[in-house]
Amino acid sequence: MSEQSKPEDLIDFPCHYQFKAIGQGGDKFRREVIEAIELHAPVPMDSVRSQVSRHGTYQSISVMLIIYNTTQLTDIYAELKKVPGLKMLL
């Protein structure tokens, strides 16, 4: 039986890491995604990309950051899961 891999075994820190949150369209969702990430890392505005669905119902927010350890990575994902209107995290 093989041992289960830990994130720190799979990723060499520090590293560039892209978070992608998909949820409701509108500025509020984008702002809340950025605020959730900023609790654990600074978010330069030039690292944020968004794409709105054809009808404007949904949008994807991508944020590229330098992540320094597993704790920071898991803490950011935990905060993103709390964002109202979130449909999916990648």
C-alpha atoms as a PDB file:
ATOM      1  CA  MET A   1       0.000   0.000   0.000  1.00  0.00           C
ATOM      2  CA  SER A   2       1.367   3.413  -0.914  1.00  0.00           C
ATOM      3  CA  GLU A   3       1.597   6.308   1.504  1.00  0.00           C
ATOM      4  CA  GLN A   4      -0.677   9.282   0.866  1.00  0.00           C
ATOM      5  CA  SER A   5       1.225  12.322  -0.422  1.00  0.00           C
ATOM      6  CA  LYS A   6       1.252  15.538   1.581  1.00  0.00           C
ATOM      7  CA  PRO A   7       1.050  18.931  -0.194  1.00  0.00           C
ATOM      8  CA  GLU A   8       4.539  19.845   1.038  1.00  0.00           C
ATOM      9  CA  ASP A   9       5.861  16.717  -0.678  1.00  0.00           C
ATOM     10  CA  LEU A  10       4.291  17.727  -3.995  1.00  0.00           C
ATOM     11  CA  ILE A  11       5.034  21.465  -4.098  1.00  0.00           C
ATOM     12  CA  ASP A  12       8.396  23.184  -3.646  1.00  0.00           C
ATOM     13  CA  PHE A  13       7.832  26.322  -1.592  1.00  0.00           C
ATOM     14  CA  PRO A  14       8.036  29.220  -2.187  1.00  0.00           C
ATOM     15  CA  CYS A  15       6.253  28.986  -5.515  1.00  0.00           C
ATOM     16  CA  HIS A  16       3.904  30.818  -7.849  1.00  0.00           C
ATOM     17  CA  TYR A  17       0.387  29.508  -7.328  1.00  0.00           C
ATOM     18  CA  GLN A  18      -2.854  30.387  -9.086  1.00  0.00           C
ATOM     19  CA  PHE A  19      -6.139  30.403  -7.196  1.00  0.00           C
ATOM     20  CA  LYS A  20      -9.294  30.339  -9.288  1.00  0.00           C
ATOM     21  CA  ALA A  21     -12.724  30.993  -7.810  1.00  0.00           C
ATOM     22  CA  ILE A  22     -15.910  30.702  -9.858  1.00  0.00           C
ATOM     23  CA  GLY A  23     -19.091  32.282  -8.602  1.00  0.00           C
ATOM     24  CA  GLN A  24     -21.723  34.956  -9.006  1.00  0.00           C
ATOM     25  CA  GLY A  25     -21.205  37.769 -11.459  1.00  0.00           C
ATOM     26  CA  GLY A  26     -20.627  41.272 -10.163  1.00  0.00           C
ATOM     27  CA  ASP A  27     -18.077  43.377  -8.321  1.00  0.00           C
ATOM     28  CA  LYS A  28     -19.114  42.124  -4.870  1.00  0.00           C
ATOM     29  CA  PHE A  29     -17.970  38.550  -5.541  1.00  0.00           C
ATOM     30  CA  ARG A  30     -14.659  39.741  -6.978  1.00  0.00           C
ATOM     31  CA  ARG A  31     -14.050  42.034  -4.000  1.00  0.00           C
ATOM     32  CA  GLU A  32     -14.878  39.277  -1.489  1.00  0.00           C
ATOM     33  CA  VAL A  33     -12.512  36.802  -3.186  1.00  0.00           C
ATOM     34  CA  ILE A  34      -9.665  39.333  -3.015  1.00  0.00           C
ATOM     35  CA  GLU A  35     -10.472  40.196   0.614  1.00  0.00           C
ATOM     36  CA  ALA A  36     -10.459  36.500   1.581  1.00  0.00           C
ATOM     37  CA  ILE A  37      -7.013  35.997   0.058  1.00  0.00           C
ATOM     38  CA  GLU A  38      -5.659  39.230   1.565  1.00  0.00           C
ATOM     39  CA  LEU A  39      -6.229  37.808   5.049  1.00  0.00           C
ATOM     40  CA  HIS A  40      -3.201  35.577   4.366  1.00  0.00           C
ATOM     41  CA  ALA A  41      -1.192  37.243   1.581  1.00  0.00           C
ATOM     42  CA  PRO A  42      -0.932  40.609  -0.171  1.00  0.00           C
ATOM     43  CA  VAL A  43      -2.752  40.690  -3.508  1.00  0.00           C
ATOM     44  CA  PRO A  44      -1.185  42.962  -6.142  1.00  0.00           C
ATOM     45  CA  MET A  45      -4.012  44.192  -8.360  1.00  0.00           C
ATOM     46  CA  ASP A  46      -2.037  43.278 -11.493  1.00  0.00           C
ATOM     47  CA  SER A  47      -2.159  39.622 -10.364  1.00  0.00           C
ATOM     48  CA  VAL A  48      -5.977  39.500 -10.524  1.00  0.00           C
ATOM     49  CA  ARG A  49      -7.802  38.443 -13.684  1.00  0.00           C
ATOM     50  CA  SER A  50     -11.530  38.001 -14.143  1.00  0.00           C
ATOM     51  CA  GLN A  51     -13.744  36.667 -16.871  1.00  0.00           C
ATOM     52  CA  VAL A  52     -17.513  37.065 -16.949  1.00  0.00           C
ATOM     53  CA  SER A  53     -19.827  34.442 -18.445  1.00  0.00           C
ATOM     54  CA  ARG A  54     -21.694  35.226 -21.635  1.00  0.00           C
ATOM     55  CA  HIS A  55     -24.859  36.304 -19.796  1.00  0.00           C
ATOM     56  CA  GLY A  56     -23.052  37.871 -16.847  1.00  0.00           C
ATOM     57  CA  THR A  57     -24.480  35.368 -14.368  1.00  0.00           C
ATOM     58  CA  TYR A  58     -21.106  33.924 -13.351  1.00  0.00           C
ATOM     59  CA  GLN A  59     -17.488  34.965 -13.353  1.00  0.00           C
ATOM     60  CA  SER A  60     -14.115  33.407 -12.712  1.00  0.00           C
ATOM     61  CA  ILE A  61     -11.531  35.242 -10.640  1.00  0.00           C
ATOM     62  CA  SER A  62      -7.901  34.118 -11.009  1.00  0.00           C
ATOM     63  CA  VAL A  63      -5.227  35.346  -8.626  1.00  0.00           C
ATOM     64  CA  MET A  64      -1.533  34.505  -9.073  1.00  0.00           C
ATOM     65  CA  LEU A  65       0.543  34.742  -5.884  1.00  0.00           C
ATOM     66  CA  ILE A  66       3.785  33.580  -4.361  1.00  0.00           C
ATOM     67  CA  ILE A  67       2.932  31.044  -1.661  1.00  0.00           C
ATOM     68  CA  TYR A  68       5.514  30.323   1.034  1.00  0.00           C
ATOM     69  CA  ASN A  69       4.216  27.203   2.801  1.00  0.00           C
ATOM     70  CA  THR A  70       1.447  24.623   3.078  1.00  0.00           C
ATOM     71  CA  THR A  71      -0.250  26.432   5.943  1.00  0.00           C
ATOM     72  CA  GLN A  72      -0.660  29.588   3.886  1.00  0.00           C
ATOM     73  CA  LEU A  73      -2.044  27.568   0.975  1.00  0.00           C
ATOM     74  CA  THR A  74      -4.626  25.699   3.048  1.00  0.00           C
ATOM     75  CA  ASP A  75      -5.605  28.849   4.976  1.00  0.00           C
ATOM     76  CA  ILE A  76      -6.344  30.723   1.738  1.00  0.00           C
ATOM     77  CA  TYR A  77      -8.479  27.863   0.423  1.00  0.00           C
ATOM     78  CA  ALA A  78     -10.358  27.739   3.753  1.00  0.00           C
ATOM     79  CA  GLU A  79     -11.136  31.485   3.498  1.00  0.00           C
ATOM     80  CA  LEU A  80     -12.197  31.206  -0.136  1.00  0.00           C
ATOM     81  CA  LYS A  81     -14.691  28.450   0.755  1.00  0.00           C
ATOM     82  CA  LYS A  82     -16.474  30.999   2.997  1.00  0.00           C
ATOM     83  CA  VAL A  83     -17.093  33.528   0.189  1.00  0.00           C
ATOM     84  CA  PRO A  84     -20.838  33.945  -0.461  1.00  0.00           C
ATOM     85  CA  GLY A  85     -21.851  33.005  -4.007  1.00  0.00           C
ATOM     86  CA  LEU A  86     -18.873  30.683  -4.553  1.00  0.00           C
ATOM     87  CA  LYS A  87     -19.694  27.816  -6.928  1.00  0.00           C
ATOM     88  CA  MET A  88     -16.289  26.206  -7.499  1.00  0.00           C
ATOM     89  CA  LEU A  89     -12.618  26.466  -6.514  1.00  0.00           C
ATOM     90  CA  LEU A  90      -9.765  25.313  -8.730  1.00  0.00           C
END
